[in-house]
Amino acid sequence: GADRTIEACGAKGTYELALDCVRPGGNVSLIGVFEDPQTLALNELWIKNIKITMGLVNANRIPELINLIQIGKINTNPLITHRAPLNDILEGYDVFGNKKDNCIKWVVTPYER
């Protein structure tokens, strides 16, 4: 498994997927916002010696994260399931907010692509 996994979208099943993909002794970061309560299987986490970190993202680190994305150190493409121009923002809120069409992240562009 992976040394570290990051759950950043709060969609159904993604928390469990992050735990399933991390190696024993690995780290899972939970930064997604979940609408529904989540259940921790503490015995499984204990046996696998998994460290879980969670909390709000520190806004002071956003410039650093943007830089890592720009230089290709972080690939966000697997998280982006939808793109649309600003004119379609209301549809975007509906699809993202209601988790339609397996939407994980919706990127809004200022113009038609």
Foldseek 3Di string as FASTA:
>chain_A
DDQEEEAAFQDPPSVVVRVVPHAQLHEYEYEHDHPDDDDDPVVVCVVSVYHYHYDHDDPVCVVVVVVCVVVPVDPCVVQAPEEDEPVCVVVVCVCSVVCHPVHRDYHYHPDGD
